[in-house]
Amino acid sequence: MPSYKIDPDVLHKIAKRVVVTPFDGGERIARAIESLADEYPDLIDPAAGRWVGSKAGGILGKVRFLYFSPREYVVIFGSPTGTQGFSGRYKRVDIHKFLIAGRIDSYDIESDEVQPTTLLPGEHICLEKGRARGLTIHPGSWHIEYGRGTVLTTLPFAMVDTLLLSLEFESVRRSTVEFARLIGRRFCRRPTQ
């Protein structure tokens, strides 16, 4: 079984701590990034990269890439105005969401479930490998997202909607630059003594 560098339980503790921070001008997001960098100083840079527009499965939002490797990633994702769409179906990756502000309603698109599952600040949900959900991300909702598995298999879903349907080449270019920056950081850092 492969070992991973990020622990979902630690991310959940961070999200629960961060939700007591007033959400004023991005303070909660800044606190989340700072807490993640404190917990994982060799992986996450507190001077995180810029926001990038993202549209995947009809869900339009802003993403800030914090960590990316072939087997794990961490991002902050959200929307100031709200959005809805399809979660995607990842056969080789579990996707964890840790809500730090707002509300997300979701439902399993293939079960008998008729009531949505509601995620509130400080709570955690996992989209397990092979599952798919419909999502409503309410206005002002922001979450820490952690993917674990064969991360490269998520990129087509993450990029195709933005590239082919929205024809938003600049967001794809910026995403590529952010991925390259994070990968470069991984290979250029010195081992800790």
N, C-alpha and C. Protein backbone atom coordinates (compact mmCIF):
# COMPACT_ATOMS: atom_id res chain seq x y z
N MET A 1 0.84 -1.18 0.00
CA MET A 1 0.00 0.00 0.00
C MET A 1 0.89 1.25 0.00
N PRO A 2 0.64 2.21 -0.90
CA PRO A 2 1.49 3.38 -0.98
C PRO A 2 1.33 4.28 0.24
N SER A 3 2.41 4.97 0.59
CA SER A 3 2.32 5.92 1.69
C SER A 3 2.02 7.30 1.11
N TYR A 4 1.31 8.09 1.89
CA TYR A 4 0.93 9.43 1.46
C TYR A 4 1.50 10.44 2.44
N LYS A 5 1.69 11.66 1.97
CA LYS A 5 2.28 12.70 2.80
C LYS A 5 1.22 13.51 3.55
N ILE A 6 0.00 13.55 3.02
CA ILE A 6 -1.07 14.36 3.60
C ILE A 6 -2.04 13.43 4.33
N ASP A 7 -2.47 13.84 5.51
CA ASP A 7 -3.41 13.07 6.32
C ASP A 7 -4.78 13.77 6.32
N PRO A 8 -5.83 13.11 5.81
CA PRO A 8 -7.16 13.74 5.79
C PRO A 8 -7.65 14.15 7.19
N ASP A 9 -7.27 13.40 8.22
CA ASP A 9 -7.69 13.77 9.58
C ASP A 9 -7.07 15.10 10.00
N VAL A 10 -5.84 15.35 9.59
CA VAL A 10 -5.18 16.63 9.89
C VAL A 10 -5.89 17.76 9.15
N LEU A 11 -6.26 17.52 7.88
CA LEU A 11 -6.96 18.55 7.11
C LEU A 11 -8.31 18.87 7.75
N HIS A 12 -8.98 17.84 8.25
CA HIS A 12 -10.27 18.06 8.91
C HIS A 12 -10.10 18.89 10.18
N LYS A 13 -9.05 18.62 10.96
CA LYS A 13 -8.78 19.42 12.16
C LYS A 13 -8.51 20.88 11.80
N ILE A 14 -7.75 21.08 10.73
CA ILE A 14 -7.47 22.45 10.27
C ILE A 14 -8.76 23.16 9.90
N ALA A 15 -9.63 22.49 9.13
CA ALA A 15 -10.90 23.10 8.71
C ALA A 15 -11.74 23.46 9.93
N LYS A 16 -11.80 22.59 10.92
CA LYS A 16 -12.59 22.87 12.12
C LYS A 16 -12.01 24.05 12.90
N ARG A 17 -10.70 24.18 12.93
CA ARG A 17 -10.07 25.32 13.60
C ARG A 17 -10.32 26.62 12.85
N VAL A 18 -10.25 26.55 11.53
CA VAL A 18 -10.35 27.75 10.70
C VAL A 18 -11.76 28.34 10.73
N VAL A 19 -12.79 27.53 10.90
CA VAL A 19 -14.15 28.06 10.81
C VAL A 19 -14.49 29.05 11.93
N VAL A 20 -13.69 29.12 12.97
CA VAL A 20 -13.94 30.12 14.02
C VAL A 20 -13.36 31.48 13.65
N THR A 21 -12.55 31.54 12.59
CA THR A 21 -11.98 32.79 12.09
C THR A 21 -13.06 33.57 11.35
N PRO A 22 -13.20 34.87 11.65
CA PRO A 22 -14.19 35.65 10.90
C PRO A 22 -13.89 35.60 9.41
N PHE A 23 -14.94 35.50 8.61
CA PHE A 23 -14.76 35.47 7.16
C PHE A 23 -14.89 36.89 6.64
N ASP A 24 -13.78 37.61 6.69
CA ASP A 24 -13.78 39.00 6.27
C ASP A 24 -12.64 39.20 5.28
N GLY A 25 -12.97 39.44 4.04
CA GLY A 25 -11.97 39.72 3.03
C GLY A 25 -10.98 38.60 2.81
N GLY A 26 -11.42 37.39 2.95
CA GLY A 26 -10.55 36.26 2.70
C GLY A 26 -9.73 35.83 3.91
N GLU A 27 -10.03 36.36 5.10
CA GLU A 27 -9.27 35.99 6.30
C GLU A 27 -9.31 34.50 6.56
N ARG A 28 -10.45 33.88 6.37
CA ARG A 28 -10.56 32.44 6.63
C ARG A 28 -9.73 31.64 5.63
N ILE A 29 -9.73 32.06 4.39
CA ILE A 29 -8.92 31.39 3.37
C ILE A 29 -7.44 31.56 3.69
N ALA A 30 -7.05 32.77 4.04
CA ALA A 30 -5.65 33.04 4.38
C ALA A 30 -5.24 32.21 5.59
N ARG A 31 -6.11 32.11 6.58
CA ARG A 31 -5.80 31.32 7.78
C ARG A 31 -5.68 29.84 7.42
N ALA A 32 -6.53 29.36 6.52
CA ALA A 32 -6.46 27.95 6.11
C ALA A 32 -5.13 27.67 5.42
N ILE A 33 -4.70 28.54 4.52
CA ILE A 33 -3.43 28.35 3.82
C ILE A 33 -2.27 28.40 4.81
N GLU A 34 -2.31 29.35 5.73
CA GLU A 34 -1.26 29.46 6.75
C GLU A 34 -1.20 28.20 7.61
N SER A 35 -2.36 27.69 8.03
CA SER A 35 -2.41 26.48 8.86
C SER A 35 -1.90 25.26 8.10
N LEU A 36 -2.24 25.16 6.83
CA LEU A 36 -1.76 24.04 6.00
C LEU A 36 -0.25 24.11 5.85
N ALA A 37 0.29 25.33 5.63
CA ALA A 37 1.74 25.49 5.49
C ALA A 37 2.46 25.21 6.81
N ASP A 38 1.83 25.57 7.93
CA ASP A 38 2.42 25.26 9.24
C ASP A 38 2.50 23.75 9.46
N GLU A 39 1.45 23.06 9.06
CA GLU A 39 1.39 21.60 9.27
C GLU A 39 2.29 20.85 8.30
N TYR A 40 2.38 21.35 7.07
CA TYR A 40 3.16 20.69 6.02
C TYR A 40 4.15 21.68 5.39
N PRO A 41 5.14 22.16 6.15
CA PRO A 41 6.04 23.20 5.64
C PRO A 41 6.89 22.77 4.45
N ASP A 42 7.17 21.48 4.32
CA ASP A 42 7.96 21.02 3.17
C ASP A 42 7.12 20.83 1.92
N LEU A 43 5.79 20.90 2.06
CA LEU A 43 4.90 20.65 0.93
C LEU A 43 4.14 21.88 0.47
N ILE A 44 3.69 22.69 1.43
CA ILE A 44 2.79 23.80 1.11
C ILE A 44 3.47 25.12 1.44
N ASP A 45 3.53 25.99 0.44
CA ASP A 45 4.13 27.30 0.56
C ASP A 45 3.06 28.27 1.09
N PRO A 46 3.34 29.00 2.19
CA PRO A 46 2.32 29.93 2.69
C PRO A 46 2.05 31.09 1.72
N ALA A 47 3.00 31.37 0.84
CA ALA A 47 2.80 32.38 -0.20
C ALA A 47 2.25 31.66 -1.43
N ALA A 48 1.03 31.16 -1.27
CA ALA A 48 0.42 30.33 -2.32
C ALA A 48 0.29 31.11 -3.63
N GLY A 49 0.17 30.38 -4.71
CA GLY A 49 0.04 30.97 -6.04
C GLY A 49 -1.25 31.75 -6.21
N ARG A 50 -1.46 32.21 -7.40
CA ARG A 50 -2.62 33.05 -7.67
C ARG A 50 -3.89 32.22 -7.89
N TRP A 51 -5.02 32.89 -7.83
CA TRP A 51 -6.30 32.26 -8.12
C TRP A 51 -6.38 32.00 -9.62
N VAL A 52 -7.00 30.87 -9.98
CA VAL A 52 -7.19 30.49 -11.37
C VAL A 52 -8.67 30.12 -11.55
N GLY A 53 -9.26 30.59 -12.64
CA GLY A 53 -10.63 30.21 -12.94
C GLY A 53 -10.69 28.74 -13.32
N SER A 54 -11.76 28.06 -12.89
CA SER A 54 -11.91 26.63 -13.18
C SER A 54 -13.36 26.33 -13.49
N LYS A 55 -13.56 25.56 -14.55
CA LYS A 55 -14.89 25.07 -14.88
C LYS A 55 -14.76 23.60 -15.21
N ALA A 56 -15.39 22.78 -14.38
CA ALA A 56 -15.36 21.32 -14.58
C ALA A 56 -16.71 20.76 -14.19
N GLY A 57 -17.31 19.98 -15.07
CA GLY A 57 -18.62 19.42 -14.79
C GLY A 57 -19.70 20.48 -14.64
N GLY A 58 -19.48 21.64 -15.26
CA GLY A 58 -20.42 22.74 -15.14
C GLY A 58 -20.20 23.60 -13.91
N ILE A 59 -19.34 23.18 -13.01
CA ILE A 59 -19.07 23.93 -11.78
C ILE A 59 -18.01 24.99 -12.08
N LEU A 60 -18.40 26.25 -11.96
CA LEU A 60 -17.50 27.36 -12.23
C LEU A 60 -17.07 27.97 -10.90
N GLY A 61 -15.77 28.08 -10.70
CA GLY A 61 -15.27 28.66 -9.46
C GLY A 61 -13.86 29.12 -9.61
N LYS A 62 -13.26 29.42 -8.45
CA LYS A 62 -11.88 29.85 -8.38
C LYS A 62 -11.11 28.79 -7.61
N VAL A 63 -9.89 28.50 -8.08
CA VAL A 63 -9.06 27.51 -7.41
C VAL A 63 -7.68 28.11 -7.16
N ARG A 64 -7.14 27.77 -5.99
CA ARG A 64 -5.77 28.14 -5.67
C ARG A 64 -5.04 26.83 -5.38
N PHE A 65 -4.04 26.52 -6.21
CA PHE A 65 -3.27 25.28 -6.08
C PHE A 65 -2.25 25.43 -4.96
N LEU A 66 -2.26 24.48 -4.01
CA LEU A 66 -1.34 24.54 -2.88
C LEU A 66 -0.29 23.43 -2.91
N TYR A 67 -0.67 22.26 -3.40
CA TYR A 67 0.26 21.14 -3.45
C TYR A 67 -0.19 20.20 -4.56
N PHE A 68 0.79 19.69 -5.31
CA PHE A 68 0.47 18.76 -6.40
C PHE A 68 1.61 17.77 -6.54
N SER A 69 1.26 16.48 -6.53
CA SER A 69 2.22 15.42 -6.81
C SER A 69 1.48 14.37 -7.63
N PRO A 70 2.15 13.37 -8.16
CA PRO A 70 1.44 12.35 -8.93
C PRO A 70 0.38 11.58 -8.13
N ARG A 71 0.48 11.60 -6.78
CA ARG A 71 -0.46 10.82 -5.97
C ARG A 71 -1.33 11.62 -5.02
N GLU A 72 -1.09 12.93 -4.92
CA GLU A 72 -1.87 13.77 -4.01
C GLU A 72 -1.93 15.20 -4.53
N TYR A 73 -3.01 15.91 -4.16
CA TYR A 73 -3.06 17.35 -4.38
C TYR A 73 -3.88 18.00 -3.29
N VAL A 74 -3.61 19.29 -3.06
CA VAL A 74 -4.39 20.10 -2.13
C VAL A 74 -4.65 21.43 -2.83
N VAL A 75 -5.92 21.85 -2.82
CA VAL A 75 -6.31 23.14 -3.38
C VAL A 75 -7.33 23.79 -2.44
N ILE A 76 -7.50 25.09 -2.62
CA ILE A 76 -8.65 25.80 -2.05
C ILE A 76 -9.55 26.09 -3.24
N PHE A 77 -10.83 25.77 -3.10
CA PHE A 77 -11.78 25.97 -4.19
C PHE A 77 -13.03 26.63 -3.65
N GLY A 78 -13.64 27.48 -4.46
CA GLY A 78 -14.90 28.07 -4.04
C GLY A 78 -15.48 29.00 -5.07
N SER A 79 -16.60 29.61 -4.67
CA SER A 79 -17.28 30.54 -5.54
C SER A 79 -17.94 31.64 -4.71
N PRO A 80 -17.65 32.90 -5.02
CA PRO A 80 -18.32 33.97 -4.28
C PRO A 80 -19.80 34.08 -4.62
N THR A 81 -20.21 33.59 -5.80
CA THR A 81 -21.60 33.75 -6.23
C THR A 81 -22.39 32.45 -6.25
N GLY A 82 -21.74 31.32 -6.06
CA GLY A 82 -22.43 30.03 -6.09
C GLY A 82 -22.37 29.39 -7.47
N THR A 83 -22.55 28.07 -7.51
CA THR A 83 -22.48 27.33 -8.76
C THR A 83 -23.05 25.93 -8.53
N GLN A 84 -23.33 25.22 -9.60
CA GLN A 84 -23.77 23.83 -9.44
C GLN A 84 -23.37 23.03 -10.66
N GLY A 85 -23.34 21.70 -10.47
CA GLY A 85 -22.97 20.83 -11.58
C GLY A 85 -22.64 19.43 -11.10
N PHE A 86 -21.74 18.79 -11.82
CA PHE A 86 -21.38 17.38 -11.66
C PHE A 86 -20.00 17.25 -11.03
N SER A 87 -19.88 16.36 -10.04
CA SER A 87 -18.61 16.18 -9.32
C SER A 87 -17.51 15.56 -10.17
N GLY A 88 -17.89 14.83 -11.19
CA GLY A 88 -16.94 13.99 -11.90
C GLY A 88 -16.93 12.61 -11.28
N ARG A 89 -16.39 11.65 -12.01
CA ARG A 89 -16.27 10.28 -11.51
C ARG A 89 -14.80 9.89 -11.69
N TYR A 90 -14.15 9.61 -10.58
CA TYR A 90 -12.73 9.32 -10.59
C TYR A 90 -12.53 7.88 -10.16
N LYS A 91 -12.08 7.05 -11.06
CA LYS A 91 -11.92 5.62 -10.75
C LYS A 91 -10.66 5.33 -9.94
N ARG A 92 -9.73 6.27 -9.90
CA ARG A 92 -8.45 6.01 -9.22
C ARG A 92 -8.11 7.05 -8.15
N VAL A 93 -9.09 7.90 -7.78
CA VAL A 93 -8.81 8.97 -6.82
C VAL A 93 -10.01 9.15 -5.88
N ASP A 94 -9.72 9.29 -4.59
CA ASP A 94 -10.71 9.74 -3.61
C ASP A 94 -10.56 11.24 -3.49
N ILE A 95 -11.69 11.97 -3.49
CA ILE A 95 -11.67 13.42 -3.37
C ILE A 95 -12.34 13.81 -2.05
N HIS A 96 -11.57 14.45 -1.18
CA HIS A 96 -12.07 14.91 0.12
C HIS A 96 -12.33 16.40 0.05
N LYS A 97 -13.47 16.83 0.62
CA LYS A 97 -13.79 18.24 0.74
C LYS A 97 -13.95 18.57 2.22
N PHE A 98 -13.28 19.67 2.66
CA PHE A 98 -13.35 20.14 4.03
C PHE A 98 -13.85 21.58 3.95
N LEU A 99 -15.13 21.79 4.27
CA LEU A 99 -15.75 23.10 4.09
C LEU A 99 -15.26 24.09 5.14
N ILE A 100 -14.83 25.26 4.68
CA ILE A 100 -14.38 26.30 5.61
C ILE A 100 -15.33 27.50 5.63
N ALA A 101 -16.23 27.61 4.65
CA ALA A 101 -17.22 28.69 4.63
C ALA A 101 -18.35 28.30 3.70
N GLY A 102 -19.57 28.71 4.04
CA GLY A 102 -20.72 28.51 3.16
C GLY A 102 -21.42 27.19 3.37
N ARG A 103 -21.87 26.61 2.27
CA ARG A 103 -22.66 25.37 2.31
C ARG A 103 -22.58 24.67 0.95
N ILE A 104 -22.47 23.36 1.00
CA ILE A 104 -22.52 22.54 -0.22
C ILE A 104 -23.59 21.48 -0.02
N ASP A 105 -24.53 21.40 -0.96
CA ASP A 105 -25.52 20.33 -0.99
C ASP A 105 -25.14 19.39 -2.12
N SER A 106 -25.23 18.08 -1.86
CA SER A 106 -24.88 17.11 -2.90
C SER A 106 -25.77 15.88 -2.79
N TYR A 107 -25.81 15.13 -3.88
CA TYR A 107 -26.58 13.88 -3.88
C TYR A 107 -25.89 12.88 -4.78
N ASP A 108 -26.01 11.61 -4.40
CA ASP A 108 -25.46 10.52 -5.20
C ASP A 108 -26.36 10.34 -6.41
N ILE A 109 -25.79 10.43 -7.61
CA ILE A 109 -26.64 10.41 -8.80
C ILE A 109 -27.13 9.01 -9.17
N GLU A 110 -26.64 7.98 -8.49
CA GLU A 110 -27.03 6.62 -8.87
C GLU A 110 -27.72 5.83 -7.76
N SER A 111 -27.98 6.45 -6.62
CA SER A 111 -28.60 5.72 -5.52
C SER A 111 -30.08 6.10 -5.41
N ASP A 112 -30.74 5.50 -4.45
CA ASP A 112 -32.14 5.82 -4.17
C ASP A 112 -32.26 7.07 -3.30
N GLU A 113 -31.15 7.68 -2.97
CA GLU A 113 -31.13 8.88 -2.13
C GLU A 113 -31.96 9.98 -2.80
N VAL A 114 -32.91 10.54 -2.05
CA VAL A 114 -33.75 11.61 -2.61
C VAL A 114 -33.53 12.94 -1.89
N GLN A 115 -32.94 12.90 -0.71
CA GLN A 115 -32.62 14.13 0.02
C GLN A 115 -31.13 14.42 -0.14
N PRO A 116 -30.78 15.68 -0.34
CA PRO A 116 -29.36 15.99 -0.47
C PRO A 116 -28.62 15.84 0.86
N THR A 117 -27.33 15.60 0.75
CA THR A 117 -26.44 15.64 1.89
C THR A 117 -25.93 17.07 1.98
N THR A 118 -26.00 17.66 3.16
CA THR A 118 -25.56 19.04 3.34
C THR A 118 -24.25 19.06 4.10
N LEU A 119 -23.28 19.79 3.54
CA LEU A 119 -21.98 19.97 4.15
C LEU A 119 -21.91 21.40 4.67
N LEU A 120 -21.60 21.54 5.97
CA LEU A 120 -21.52 22.84 6.62
C LEU A 120 -20.08 23.10 7.06
N PRO A 121 -19.74 24.37 7.38
CA PRO A 121 -18.36 24.70 7.76
C PRO A 121 -17.84 23.80 8.89
N GLY A 122 -16.61 23.32 8.67
CA GLY A 122 -15.96 22.43 9.62
C GLY A 122 -16.22 20.96 9.34
N GLU A 123 -17.11 20.66 8.40
CA GLU A 123 -17.45 19.27 8.09
C GLU A 123 -16.64 18.76 6.90
N HIS A 124 -16.64 17.45 6.75
CA HIS A 124 -15.83 16.74 5.75
C HIS A 124 -16.72 15.74 5.02
N ILE A 125 -16.49 15.62 3.72
CA ILE A 125 -17.15 14.60 2.91
C ILE A 125 -16.12 14.03 1.95
N CYS A 126 -16.27 12.78 1.59
CA CYS A 126 -15.34 12.14 0.66
C CYS A 126 -16.11 11.56 -0.51
N LEU A 127 -15.72 11.92 -1.72
CA LEU A 127 -16.23 11.30 -2.93
C LEU A 127 -15.29 10.14 -3.22
N GLU A 128 -15.77 8.94 -2.92
CA GLU A 128 -14.93 7.76 -3.06
C GLU A 128 -14.75 7.37 -4.52
N LYS A 129 -13.68 6.65 -4.79
CA LYS A 129 -13.37 6.19 -6.14
C LYS A 129 -14.60 5.57 -6.80
N GLY A 130 -14.85 5.97 -8.04
CA GLY A 130 -15.94 5.39 -8.82
C GLY A 130 -17.31 5.98 -8.56
N ARG A 131 -17.47 6.87 -7.59
CA ARG A 131 -18.77 7.47 -7.26
C ARG A 131 -18.89 8.80 -7.98
N ALA A 132 -20.13 9.29 -8.10
CA ALA A 132 -20.39 10.59 -8.72
C ALA A 132 -21.55 11.26 -8.00
N ARG A 133 -21.47 12.58 -7.89
CA ARG A 133 -22.50 13.33 -7.17
C ARG A 133 -22.89 14.59 -7.96
N GLY A 134 -24.11 15.01 -7.77
CA GLY A 134 -24.55 16.32 -8.21
C GLY A 134 -24.28 17.29 -7.07
N LEU A 135 -23.85 18.51 -7.39
CA LEU A 135 -23.45 19.47 -6.36
C LEU A 135 -24.11 20.83 -6.55
N THR A 136 -24.48 21.45 -5.44
CA THR A 136 -24.81 22.87 -5.42
C THR A 136 -23.88 23.50 -4.40
N ILE A 137 -23.03 24.37 -4.87
CA ILE A 137 -22.12 25.12 -4.01
C ILE A 137 -22.75 26.49 -3.84
N HIS A 138 -23.18 26.79 -2.62
CA HIS A 138 -23.89 28.04 -2.34
C HIS A 138 -22.94 29.24 -2.40
N PRO A 139 -23.49 30.46 -2.62
CA PRO A 139 -22.64 31.65 -2.67
C PRO A 139 -21.78 31.78 -1.41
N GLY A 140 -20.52 32.17 -1.62
CA GLY A 140 -19.60 32.38 -0.51
C GLY A 140 -19.08 31.09 0.11
N SER A 141 -19.10 30.02 -0.65
CA SER A 141 -18.63 28.72 -0.14
C SER A 141 -17.20 28.48 -0.60
N TRP A 142 -16.36 28.01 0.36
CA TRP A 142 -14.95 27.75 0.09
C TRP A 142 -14.56 26.49 0.83
N HIS A 143 -13.78 25.64 0.18
CA HIS A 143 -13.34 24.42 0.84
C HIS A 143 -11.90 24.06 0.49
N ILE A 144 -11.30 23.31 1.41
CA ILE A 144 -10.01 22.68 1.15
C ILE A 144 -10.35 21.38 0.44
N GLU A 145 -9.73 21.14 -0.69
CA GLU A 145 -9.97 19.89 -1.42
C GLU A 145 -8.67 19.10 -1.47
N TYR A 146 -8.79 17.83 -1.15
CA TYR A 146 -7.63 16.94 -1.14
C TYR A 146 -7.94 15.72 -1.99
N GLY A 147 -7.10 15.46 -2.99
CA GLY A 147 -7.23 14.27 -3.82
C GLY A 147 -6.12 13.30 -3.52
N ARG A 148 -6.49 12.02 -3.43
CA ARG A 148 -5.51 10.97 -3.11
C ARG A 148 -5.73 9.80 -4.06
N GLY A 149 -4.66 9.43 -4.76
CA GLY A 149 -4.72 8.32 -5.72
C GLY A 149 -3.87 8.67 -6.93
N THR A 150 -4.29 8.23 -8.09
CA THR A 150 -3.57 8.53 -9.33
C THR A 150 -4.08 9.89 -9.83
N VAL A 151 -3.50 10.95 -9.29
CA VAL A 151 -3.98 12.31 -9.49
C VAL A 151 -4.02 12.71 -10.96
N LEU A 152 -3.07 12.29 -11.74
CA LEU A 152 -3.04 12.69 -13.15
C LEU A 152 -4.32 12.30 -13.90
N THR A 153 -5.03 11.28 -13.42
CA THR A 153 -6.27 10.87 -14.08
C THR A 153 -7.39 11.89 -13.88
N THR A 154 -7.23 12.84 -12.96
CA THR A 154 -8.26 13.87 -12.75
C THR A 154 -8.11 15.04 -13.72
N LEU A 155 -6.95 15.19 -14.31
CA LEU A 155 -6.69 16.38 -15.13
C LEU A 155 -7.59 16.52 -16.36
N PRO A 156 -7.91 15.44 -17.08
CA PRO A 156 -8.82 15.64 -18.22
C PRO A 156 -10.16 16.24 -17.79
N PHE A 157 -10.76 15.72 -16.72
CA PHE A 157 -12.04 16.29 -16.25
C PHE A 157 -11.85 17.74 -15.83
N ALA A 158 -10.75 18.01 -15.14
CA ALA A 158 -10.51 19.36 -14.63
C ALA A 158 -10.25 20.37 -15.74
N MET A 159 -9.75 19.93 -16.89
CA MET A 159 -9.36 20.87 -17.94
C MET A 159 -10.28 20.91 -19.16
N VAL A 160 -10.92 19.80 -19.48
CA VAL A 160 -11.67 19.72 -20.75
C VAL A 160 -12.81 20.72 -20.81
N ASP A 161 -13.60 20.85 -19.74
CA ASP A 161 -14.72 21.79 -19.72
C ASP A 161 -14.21 23.22 -19.94
N THR A 162 -13.17 23.58 -19.22
CA THR A 162 -12.59 24.92 -19.34
C THR A 162 -12.05 25.15 -20.75
N LEU A 163 -11.37 24.17 -21.29
CA LEU A 163 -10.71 24.33 -22.59
C LEU A 163 -11.67 24.22 -23.77
N LEU A 164 -12.44 23.13 -23.82
CA LEU A 164 -13.24 22.87 -25.03
C LEU A 164 -14.62 23.50 -25.02
N LEU A 165 -15.27 23.58 -23.86
CA LEU A 165 -16.61 24.16 -23.83
C LEU A 165 -16.59 25.66 -23.60
N SER A 166 -15.77 26.10 -22.68
CA SER A 166 -15.70 27.53 -22.37
C SER A 166 -14.72 28.27 -23.26
N LEU A 167 -13.81 27.53 -23.91
CA LEU A 167 -12.76 28.12 -24.74
C LEU A 167 -11.95 29.14 -23.94
N GLU A 168 -11.72 28.83 -22.67
CA GLU A 168 -10.99 29.72 -21.77
C GLU A 168 -9.53 29.28 -21.69
N PHE A 169 -8.79 29.60 -22.72
CA PHE A 169 -7.40 29.17 -22.83
C PHE A 169 -6.50 29.77 -21.75
N GLU A 170 -6.80 31.00 -21.33
CA GLU A 170 -5.95 31.66 -20.33
C GLU A 170 -6.01 30.92 -19.00
N SER A 171 -7.18 30.44 -18.58
CA SER A 171 -7.27 29.68 -17.33
C SER A 171 -6.49 28.37 -17.41
N VAL A 172 -6.52 27.72 -18.56
CA VAL A 172 -5.76 26.48 -18.74
C VAL A 172 -4.26 26.80 -18.69
N ARG A 173 -3.86 27.88 -19.33
CA ARG A 173 -2.45 28.29 -19.30
C ARG A 173 -2.01 28.59 -17.86
N ARG A 174 -2.84 29.33 -17.12
CA ARG A 174 -2.49 29.67 -15.74
C ARG A 174 -2.44 28.42 -14.86
N SER A 175 -3.37 27.49 -15.07
CA SER A 175 -3.35 26.24 -14.31
C SER A 175 -2.06 25.47 -14.58
N THR A 176 -1.66 25.42 -15.85
CA THR A 176 -0.44 24.71 -16.22
C THR A 176 0.78 25.36 -15.57
N VAL A 177 0.80 26.69 -15.54
CA VAL A 177 1.90 27.41 -14.89
C VAL A 177 1.94 27.08 -13.40
N GLU A 178 0.77 27.04 -12.75
CA GLU A 178 0.72 26.73 -11.32
C GLU A 178 1.16 25.29 -11.05
N PHE A 179 0.71 24.33 -11.88
CA PHE A 179 1.17 22.94 -11.72
C PHE A 179 2.69 22.87 -11.84
N ALA A 180 3.24 23.54 -12.86
CA ALA A 180 4.69 23.52 -13.09
C ALA A 180 5.43 24.14 -11.91
N ARG A 181 4.88 25.22 -11.36
CA ARG A 181 5.51 25.87 -10.20
C ARG A 181 5.55 24.92 -9.01
N LEU A 182 4.45 24.23 -8.74
CA LEU A 182 4.39 23.31 -7.60
C LEU A 182 5.31 22.10 -7.80
N ILE A 183 5.34 21.58 -9.02
CA ILE A 183 6.22 20.45 -9.30
C ILE A 183 7.68 20.89 -9.20
N GLY A 184 7.98 22.07 -9.72
CA GLY A 184 9.34 22.60 -9.62
C GLY A 184 9.76 22.80 -8.18
N ARG A 185 8.83 23.26 -7.35
CA ARG A 185 9.13 23.44 -5.93
C ARG A 185 9.48 22.10 -5.28
N ARG A 186 8.78 21.05 -5.65
CA ARG A 186 9.04 19.72 -5.09
C ARG A 186 10.45 19.26 -5.41
N PHE A 187 10.89 19.50 -6.64
CA PHE A 187 12.19 18.99 -7.07
C PHE A 187 13.35 19.90 -6.69
N CYS A 188 13.07 21.17 -6.41
CA CYS A 188 14.14 22.11 -6.09
C CYS A 188 14.40 22.26 -4.61
N ARG A 189 13.50 21.82 -3.76
CA ARG A 189 13.72 22.03 -2.32
C ARG A 189 14.78 21.09 -1.79
N ARG A 190 15.45 21.55 -0.77
CA ARG A 190 16.49 20.74 -0.14
C ARG A 190 15.87 19.82 0.89
N PRO A 191 16.41 18.63 1.05
CA PRO A 191 15.89 17.75 2.11
C PRO A 191 16.11 18.38 3.47
N THR A 192 15.14 18.19 4.37
CA THR A 192 15.28 18.72 5.72
C THR A 192 16.24 17.89 6.53
N GLN A 193 17.01 18.55 7.35
CA GLN A 193 18.02 17.86 8.17
C GLN A 193 17.38 17.31 9.44
